[in-house]
């Protein structure tokens, strides 16, 4: 499990963190935790959209990807 996810799990389980240095530092810490969680989520989500390598046994159809796909049986490579 990733460190940010682990920290959020611990905080969500009813544990509390109390910082006696003022509300500004507490707010900054809270924003850092939420920001880290958002960054972690977006990084994983972008990785899921990574197309990866082209299939080695298929032809490559290079075309303008704003137009409909001409040959759906081939690997698509956008220009």
PDB file of N, CA and C in Angstrom:
ATOM      1  N   UNK A   1       0.855  -1.178   0.000  1.00  0.00           N
ATOM      2  CA  UNK A   1       0.000   0.000   0.000  1.00  0.00           C
ATOM      3  C   UNK A   1       0.898   1.237   0.000  1.00  0.00           C
ATOM      4  N   UNK A   2       0.495   2.259  -0.708  1.00  0.00           N
ATOM      5  CA  UNK A   2       1.307   3.467  -0.812  1.00  0.00           C
ATOM      6  C   UNK A   2       1.238   4.276   0.482  1.00  0.00           C
ATOM      7  N   UNK A   3       2.280   5.078   0.777  1.00  0.00           N
ATOM      8  CA  UNK A   3       2.322   5.824   2.030  1.00  0.00           C
ATOM      9  C   UNK A   3       1.146   6.780   2.210  1.00  0.00           C
ATOM     10  N   UNK A   4       0.730   7.469   1.160  1.00  0.00           N
ATOM     11  CA  UNK A   4      -0.373   8.420   1.287  1.00  0.00           C
ATOM     12  C   UNK A   4      -1.673   7.679   1.584  1.00  0.00           C
ATOM     13  N   UNK A   5      -1.890   6.561   0.888  1.00  0.00           N
ATOM     14  CA  UNK A   5      -3.093   5.772   1.120  1.00  0.00           C
ATOM     15  C   UNK A   5      -3.109   5.206   2.535  1.00  0.00           C
ATOM     16  N   UNK A   6      -1.952   4.779   3.017  1.00  0.00           N
ATOM     17  CA  UNK A   6      -1.852   4.256   4.375  1.00  0.00           C
ATOM     18  C   UNK A   6      -2.181   5.343   5.396  1.00  0.00           C
ATOM     19  N   UNK A   7      -1.653   6.539   5.177  1.00  0.00           N
ATOM     20  CA  UNK A   7      -1.914   7.646   6.095  1.00  0.00           C
ATOM     21  C   UNK A   7      -3.397   7.997   6.101  1.00  0.00           C
ATOM     22  N   UNK A   8      -4.019   8.047   4.943  1.00  0.00           N
ATOM     23  CA  UNK A   8      -5.447   8.352   4.880  1.00  0.00           C
ATOM     24  C   UNK A   8      -6.277   7.259   5.544  1.00  0.00           C
ATOM     25  N   UNK A   9      -5.862   6.011   5.381  1.00  0.00           N
ATOM     26  CA  UNK A   9      -6.564   4.906   6.018  1.00  0.00           C
ATOM     27  C   UNK A   9      -6.505   5.018   7.535  1.00  0.00           C
ATOM     28  N   UNK A  10      -5.338   5.364   8.060  1.00  0.00           N
ATOM     29  CA  UNK A  10      -5.175   5.525   9.511  1.00  0.00           C
ATOM     30  C   UNK A  10      -6.025   6.678  10.026  1.00  0.00           C
ATOM     31  N   UNK A  11      -6.014   7.804   9.298  1.00  0.00           N
ATOM     32  CA  UNK A  11      -6.807   8.954   9.723  1.00  0.00           C
ATOM     33  C   UNK A  11      -8.299   8.662   9.629  1.00  0.00           C
ATOM     34  N   UNK A  12      -8.701   7.910   8.618  1.00  0.00           N
ATOM     35  CA  UNK A  12     -10.116   7.601   8.444  1.00  0.00           C
ATOM     36  C   UNK A  12     -10.600   6.571   9.462  1.00  0.00           C
ATOM     37  N   UNK A  13      -9.701   5.843  10.082  1.00  0.00           N
ATOM     38  CA  UNK A  13     -10.078   4.793  11.035  1.00  0.00           C
ATOM     39  C   UNK A  13     -10.431   5.357  12.407  1.00  0.00           C
ATOM     40  N   UNK A  14     -10.483   6.654  12.551  1.00  0.00           N
ATOM     41  CA  UNK A  14     -10.875   7.245  13.820  1.00  0.00           C
ATOM     42  C   UNK A  14      -9.701   7.786  14.615  1.00  0.00           C
ATOM     43  N   UNK A  15      -8.510   7.642  14.128  1.00  0.00           N
ATOM     44  CA  UNK A  15      -7.356   8.209  14.805  1.00  0.00           C
ATOM     45  C   UNK A  15      -7.344   9.716  14.556  1.00  0.00           C
ATOM     46  N   UNK A  16      -6.849  10.462  15.509  1.00  0.00           N
ATOM     47  CA  UNK A  16      -6.783  11.909  15.334  1.00  0.00           C
ATOM     48  C   UNK A  16      -5.351  12.377  15.532  1.00  0.00           C
ATOM     49  N   UNK A  17      -5.038  13.468  14.887  1.00  0.00           N
ATOM     50  CA  UNK A  17      -3.738  14.105  15.044  1.00  0.00           C
ATOM     51  C   UNK A  17      -3.995  15.492  15.586  1.00  0.00           C
ATOM     52  N   UNK A  18      -3.334  15.841  16.677  1.00  0.00           N
ATOM     53  CA  UNK A  18      -3.523  17.152  17.281  1.00  0.00           C
ATOM     54  C   UNK A  18      -2.188  17.892  17.266  1.00  0.00           C
ATOM     55  N   UNK A  19      -2.200  19.076  16.672  1.00  0.00           N
ATOM     56  CA  UNK A  19      -1.001  19.900  16.620  1.00  0.00           C
ATOM     57  C   UNK A  19      -1.295  21.178  17.386  1.00  0.00           C
ATOM     58  N   UNK A  20      -0.486  21.470  18.394  1.00  0.00           N
ATOM     59  CA  UNK A  20      -0.704  22.626  19.258  1.00  0.00           C
ATOM     60  C   UNK A  20       0.002  23.885  18.778  1.00  0.00           C
ATOM     61  N   UNK A  21       0.342  23.992  17.533  1.00  0.00           N
ATOM     62  CA  UNK A  21       1.108  25.144  17.069  1.00  0.00           C
ATOM     63  C   UNK A  21       0.256  26.175  16.339  1.00  0.00           C
ATOM     64  N   UNK A  22      -1.033  26.008  16.316  1.00  0.00           N
ATOM     65  CA  UNK A  22      -1.907  26.984  15.678  1.00  0.00           C
ATOM     66  C   UNK A  22      -2.657  26.367  14.519  1.00  0.00           C
ATOM     67  N   UNK A  23      -3.728  27.020  14.169  1.00  0.00           N
ATOM     68  CA  UNK A  23      -4.587  26.452  13.141  1.00  0.00           C
ATOM     69  C   UNK A  23      -3.984  26.568  11.746  1.00  0.00           C
ATOM     70  N   UNK A  24      -3.106  27.543  11.507  1.00  0.00           N
ATOM     71  CA  UNK A  24      -2.510  27.704  10.183  1.00  0.00           C
ATOM     72  C   UNK A  24      -1.634  26.504   9.823  1.00  0.00           C
ATOM     73  N   UNK A  25      -0.821  26.047  10.761  1.00  0.00           N
ATOM     74  CA  UNK A  25       0.022  24.889  10.506  1.00  0.00           C
ATOM     75  C   UNK A  25      -0.831  23.630  10.331  1.00  0.00           C
ATOM     76  N   UNK A  26      -1.879  23.504  11.122  1.00  0.00           N
ATOM     77  CA  UNK A  26      -2.783  22.365  10.983  1.00  0.00           C
ATOM     78  C   UNK A  26      -3.475  22.364   9.629  1.00  0.00           C
ATOM     79  N   UNK A  27      -3.893  23.541   9.175  1.00  0.00           N
ATOM     80  CA  UNK A  27      -4.529  23.646   7.859  1.00  0.00           C
ATOM     81  C   UNK A  27      -3.530  23.309   6.760  1.00  0.00           C
ATOM     82  N   UNK A  28      -2.294  23.771   6.898  1.00  0.00           N
ATOM     83  CA  UNK A  28      -1.268  23.474   5.902  1.00  0.00           C
ATOM     84  C   UNK A  28      -0.982  21.970   5.856  1.00  0.00           C
ATOM     85  N   UNK A  29      -0.934  21.334   7.014  1.00  0.00           N
ATOM     86  CA  UNK A  29      -0.717  19.888   7.066  1.00  0.00           C
ATOM     87  C   UNK A  29      -1.874  19.139   6.416  1.00  0.00           C
ATOM     88  N   UNK A  30      -3.094  19.576   6.702  1.00  0.00           N
ATOM     89  CA  UNK A  30      -4.263  18.955   6.086  1.00  0.00           C
ATOM     90  C   UNK A  30      -4.261  19.111   4.576  1.00  0.00           C
ATOM     91  N   UNK A  31      -3.914  20.298   4.093  1.00  0.00           N
ATOM     92  CA  UNK A  31      -3.839  20.530   2.650  1.00  0.00           C
ATOM     93  C   UNK A  31      -2.742  19.685   2.004  1.00  0.00           C
ATOM     94  N   UNK A  32      -1.626  19.512   2.714  1.00  0.00           N
ATOM     95  CA  UNK A  32      -0.547  18.682   2.185  1.00  0.00           C
ATOM     96  C   UNK A  32      -0.991  17.232   2.054  1.00  0.00           C
ATOM     97  N   UNK A  33      -1.727  16.738   3.026  1.00  0.00           N
ATOM     98  CA  UNK A  33      -2.219  15.356   2.977  1.00  0.00           C
ATOM     99  C   UNK A  33      -3.211  15.186   1.831  1.00  0.00           C
ATOM    100  N   UNK A  34      -4.152  16.108   1.709  1.00  0.00           N
ATOM    101  CA  UNK A  34      -5.140  16.020   0.632  1.00  0.00           C
ATOM    102  C   UNK A  34      -4.458  16.179  -0.726  1.00  0.00           C
ATOM    103  N   UNK A  35      -3.507  17.105  -0.825  1.00  0.00           N
ATOM    104  CA  UNK A  35      -2.772  17.298  -2.074  1.00  0.00           C
ATOM    105  C   UNK A  35      -1.994  16.053  -2.468  1.00  0.00           C
ATOM    106  N   UNK A  36      -1.379  15.404  -1.508  1.00  0.00           N
ATOM    107  CA  UNK A  36      -0.648  14.170  -1.781  1.00  0.00           C
ATOM    108  C   UNK A  36      -1.574  13.061  -2.260  1.00  0.00           C
ATOM    109  N   UNK A  37      -2.747  12.971  -1.662  1.00  0.00           N
ATOM    110  CA  UNK A  37      -3.710  11.954  -2.081  1.00  0.00           C
ATOM    111  C   UNK A  37      -4.192  12.217  -3.505  1.00  0.00           C
ATOM    112  N   UNK A  38      -4.448  13.477  -3.833  1.00  0.00           N
ATOM    113  CA  UNK A  38      -4.898  13.823  -5.183  1.00  0.00           C
ATOM    114  C   UNK A  38      -3.797  13.531  -6.192  1.00  0.00           C
ATOM    115  N   UNK A  39      -2.556  13.888  -5.854  1.00  0.00           N
ATOM    116  CA  UNK A  39      -1.432  13.624  -6.745  1.00  0.00           C
ATOM    117  C   UNK A  39      -1.282  12.125  -6.996  1.00  0.00           C
ATOM    118  N   UNK A  40      -1.391  11.336  -5.938  1.00  0.00           N
ATOM    119  CA  UNK A  40      -1.275   9.883  -6.043  1.00  0.00           C
ATOM    120  C   UNK A  40      -2.375   9.321  -6.934  1.00  0.00           C
ATOM    121  N   UNK A  41      -3.602   9.793  -6.747  1.00  0.00           N
ATOM    122  CA  UNK A  41      -4.733   9.331  -7.555  1.00  0.00           C
ATOM    123  C   UNK A  41      -4.539   9.690  -9.022  1.00  0.00           C
ATOM    124  N   UNK A  42      -4.149  10.923  -9.311  1.00  0.00           N
ATOM    125  CA  UNK A  42      -3.967  11.359 -10.693  1.00  0.00           C
ATOM    126  C   UNK A  42      -2.813  10.623 -11.367  1.00  0.00           C
ATOM    127  N   UNK A  43      -1.753  10.347 -10.625  1.00  0.00           N
ATOM    128  CA  UNK A  43      -0.620   9.615 -11.186  1.00  0.00           C
ATOM    129  C   UNK A  43      -1.048   8.210 -11.592  1.00  0.00           C
ATOM    130  N   UNK A  44      -1.811   7.535 -10.750  1.00  0.00           N
ATOM    131  CA  UNK A  44      -2.297   6.195 -11.078  1.00  0.00           C
ATOM    132  C   UNK A  44      -3.269   6.236 -12.248  1.00  0.00           C
ATOM    133  N   UNK A  45      -4.131   7.249 -12.276  1.00  0.00           N
ATOM    134  CA  UNK A  45      -5.118   7.349 -13.347  1.00  0.00           C
ATOM    135  C   UNK A  45      -4.450   7.593 -14.697  1.00  0.00           C
ATOM    136  N   UNK A  46      -3.422   8.427 -14.731  1.00  0.00           N
ATOM    137  CA  UNK A  46      -2.704   8.678 -15.977  1.00  0.00           C
ATOM    138  C   UNK A  46      -1.983   7.422 -16.451  1.00  0.00           C
ATOM    139  N   UNK A  47      -1.475   6.640 -15.520  1.00  0.00           N
ATOM    140  CA  UNK A  47      -0.793   5.402 -15.881  1.00  0.00           C
ATOM    141  C   UNK A  47      -1.737   4.396 -16.520  1.00  0.00           C
ATOM    142  N   UNK A  48      -3.007   4.410 -16.132  1.00  0.00           N
ATOM    143  CA  UNK A  48      -3.978   3.495 -16.707  1.00  0.00           C
ATOM    144  C   UNK A  48      -4.286   3.838 -18.161  1.00  0.00           C
ATOM    145  N   UNK A  49      -4.073   5.097 -18.539  1.00  0.00           N
ATOM    146  CA  UNK A  49      -4.346   5.505 -19.911  1.00  0.00           C
ATOM    147  C   UNK A  49      -3.139   5.338 -20.816  1.00  0.00           C
ATOM    148  N   UNK A  50      -2.021   4.891 -20.284  1.00  0.00           N
ATOM    149  CA  UNK A  50      -0.818   4.704 -21.088  1.00  0.00           C
ATOM    150  C   UNK A  50      -1.056   3.566 -22.064  1.00  0.00           C
ATOM    151  N   UNK A  51      -0.941   3.825 -23.370  1.00  0.00           N
ATOM    152  CA  UNK A  51      -1.262   2.780 -24.343  1.00  0.00           C
ATOM    153  C   UNK A  51      -0.263   1.633 -24.370  1.00  0.00           C
ATOM    154  N   UNK A  52       0.952   1.847 -23.907  1.00  0.00           N
ATOM    155  CA  UNK A  52       1.940   0.779 -23.899  1.00  0.00           C
ATOM    156  C   UNK A  52       2.520   0.511 -25.272  1.00  0.00           C
ATOM    157  N   UNK A  53       3.058  -0.674 -25.425  1.00  0.00           N
ATOM    158  CA  UNK A  53       3.698  -1.057 -26.687  1.00  0.00           C
ATOM    159  C   UNK A  53       2.657  -1.495 -27.713  1.00  0.00           C
ATOM    160  N   UNK A  54       3.010  -1.358 -28.982  1.00  0.00           N
ATOM    161  CA  UNK A  54       2.149  -1.837 -30.046  1.00  0.00           C
ATOM    162  C   UNK A  54       2.250  -3.354 -30.133  1.00  0.00           C
ATOM    163  N   UNK A  55       1.165  -4.005 -30.511  1.00  0.00           N
ATOM    164  CA  UNK A  55       1.174  -5.459 -30.658  1.00  0.00           C
ATOM    165  C   UNK A  55       2.113  -5.837 -31.803  1.00  0.00           C
ATOM    166  N   UNK A  56       3.095  -6.710 -31.557  1.00  0.00           N
ATOM    167  CA  UNK A  56       4.112  -7.000 -32.575  1.00  0.00           C
ATOM    168  C   UNK A  56       3.589  -7.717 -33.813  1.00  0.00           C
ATOM    169  N   UNK A  57       2.510  -8.469 -33.716  1.00  0.00           N
ATOM    170  CA  UNK A  57       2.027  -9.226 -34.856  1.00  0.00           C
ATOM    171  C   UNK A  57       1.037  -8.479 -35.741  1.00  0.00           C
ATOM    172  N   UNK A  58       0.735  -7.219 -35.422  1.00  0.00           N
ATOM    173  CA  UNK A  58      -0.264  -6.471 -36.181  1.00  0.00           C
ATOM    174  C   UNK A  58       0.373  -5.356 -36.994  1.00  0.00           C
ATOM    175  N   UNK A  59      -0.290  -5.033 -38.119  1.00  0.00           N
ATOM    176  CA  UNK A  59       0.176  -3.897 -38.924  1.00  0.00           C
ATOM    177  C   UNK A  59      -0.021  -2.611 -38.135  1.00  0.00           C
ATOM    178  N   UNK A  60       0.662  -1.553 -38.558  1.00  0.00           N
ATOM    179  CA  UNK A  60       0.514  -0.245 -37.932  1.00  0.00           C
ATOM    180  C   UNK A  60      -0.191   0.674 -38.922  1.00  0.00           C
ATOM    181  N   UNK A  61      -1.307   1.253 -38.494  1.00  0.00           N
ATOM    182  CA  UNK A  61      -2.055   2.193 -39.308  1.00  0.00           C
ATOM    183  C   UNK A  61      -1.785   3.584 -38.755  1.00  0.00           C
ATOM    184  N   UNK A  62      -0.977   4.378 -39.463  1.00  0.00           N
ATOM    185  CA  UNK A  62      -0.664   5.736 -39.017  1.00  0.00           C
ATOM    186  C   UNK A  62      -1.631   6.688 -39.709  1.00  0.00           C
ATOM    187  N   UNK A  63      -2.386   7.435 -38.897  1.00  0.00           N
ATOM    188  CA  UNK A  63      -3.381   8.344 -39.457  1.00  0.00           C
ATOM    189  C   UNK A  63      -3.629   9.517 -38.522  1.00  0.00           C
ATOM    190  N   UNK A  64      -4.378  10.490 -39.014  1.00  0.00           N
ATOM    191  CA  UNK A  64      -4.806  11.638 -38.214  1.00  0.00           C
ATOM    192  C   UNK A  64      -5.884  11.144 -37.245  1.00  0.00           C
ATOM    193  N   UNK A  65      -5.619  11.227 -35.940  1.00  0.00           N
ATOM    194  CA  UNK A  65      -6.524  10.641 -34.944  1.00  0.00           C
ATOM    195  C   UNK A  65      -7.750  11.500 -34.646  1.00  0.00           C
ATOM    196  N   UNK A  66      -7.878  12.662 -35.291  1.00  0.00           N
ATOM    197  CA  UNK A  66      -9.102  13.436 -35.126  1.00  0.00           C
ATOM    198  C   UNK A  66     -10.185  12.938 -36.079  1.00  0.00           C
ATOM    199  N   UNK A  67      -9.828  12.042 -36.992  1.00  0.00           N
ATOM    200  CA  UNK A  67     -10.774  11.459 -37.957  1.00  0.00           C
ATOM    201  C   UNK A  67     -11.156  10.046 -37.506  1.00  0.00           C
ATOM    202  N   UNK A  68     -12.247   9.492 -38.033  1.00  0.00           N
ATOM    203  CA  UNK A  68     -12.630   8.110 -37.679  1.00  0.00           C
ATOM    204  C   UNK A  68     -11.527   7.111 -38.049  1.00  0.00           C
ATOM    205  N   UNK A  69     -11.456   6.035 -37.294  1.00  0.00           N
ATOM    206  CA  UNK A  69     -10.421   5.020 -37.525  1.00  0.00           C
ATOM    207  C   UNK A  69     -10.691   4.328 -38.852  1.00  0.00           C
ATOM    208  N   UNK A  70      -9.662   4.287 -39.700  1.00  0.00           N
ATOM    209  CA  UNK A  70      -9.807   3.697 -41.036  1.00  0.00           C
ATOM    210  C   UNK A  70      -9.714   2.171 -41.004  1.00  0.00           C
ATOM    211  N   UNK A  71      -8.771   1.613 -40.244  1.00  0.00           N
ATOM    212  CA  UNK A  71      -8.579   0.164 -40.202  1.00  0.00           C
ATOM    213  C   UNK A  71      -8.520  -0.283 -38.737  1.00  0.00           C
ATOM    214  N   UNK A  72      -9.643  -0.734 -38.164  1.00  0.00           N
ATOM    215  CA  UNK A  72      -9.658  -1.098 -36.740  1.00  0.00           C
ATOM    216  C   UNK A  72      -8.879  -2.381 -36.429  1.00  0.00           C
ATOM    217  N   UNK A  73      -8.466  -3.132 -37.448  1.00  0.00           N
ATOM    218  CA  UNK A  73      -7.744  -4.378 -37.184  1.00  0.00           C
ATOM    219  C   UNK A  73      -6.253  -4.148 -36.994  1.00  0.00           C
ATOM    220  N   UNK A  74      -5.765  -2.935 -37.258  1.00  0.00           N
ATOM    221  CA  UNK A  74      -4.333  -2.629 -37.146  1.00  0.00           C
ATOM    222  C   UNK A  74      -4.069  -1.812 -35.880  1.00  0.00           C
ATOM    223  N   UNK A  75      -2.810  -1.763 -35.470  1.00  0.00           N
ATOM    224  CA  UNK A  75      -2.401  -0.857 -34.398  1.00  0.00           C
ATOM    225  C   UNK A  75      -2.583   0.570 -34.908  1.00  0.00           C
ATOM    226  N   UNK A  76      -3.076   1.457 -34.064  1.00  0.00           N
ATOM    227  CA  UNK A  76      -3.308   2.844 -34.461  1.00  0.00           C
ATOM    228  C   UNK A  76      -2.162   3.706 -33.940  1.00  0.00           C
ATOM    229  N   UNK A  77      -1.525   4.430 -34.835  1.00  0.00           N
ATOM    230  CA  UNK A  77      -0.472   5.364 -34.458  1.00  0.00           C
ATOM    231  C   UNK A  77      -0.882   6.740 -34.983  1.00  0.00           C
ATOM    232  N   UNK A  78      -1.065   7.682 -34.075  1.00  0.00           N
ATOM    233  CA  UNK A  78      -1.540   9.017 -34.449  1.00  0.00           C
ATOM    234  C   UNK A  78      -0.417   9.876 -34.999  1.00  0.00           C
ATOM    235  N   UNK A  79      -0.763  10.739 -35.941  1.00  0.00           N
ATOM    236  CA  UNK A  79       0.198  11.718 -36.477  1.00  0.00           C
ATOM    237  C   UNK A  79       0.002  13.035 -35.790  1.00  0.00           C
TER     238      UNK A  79
END
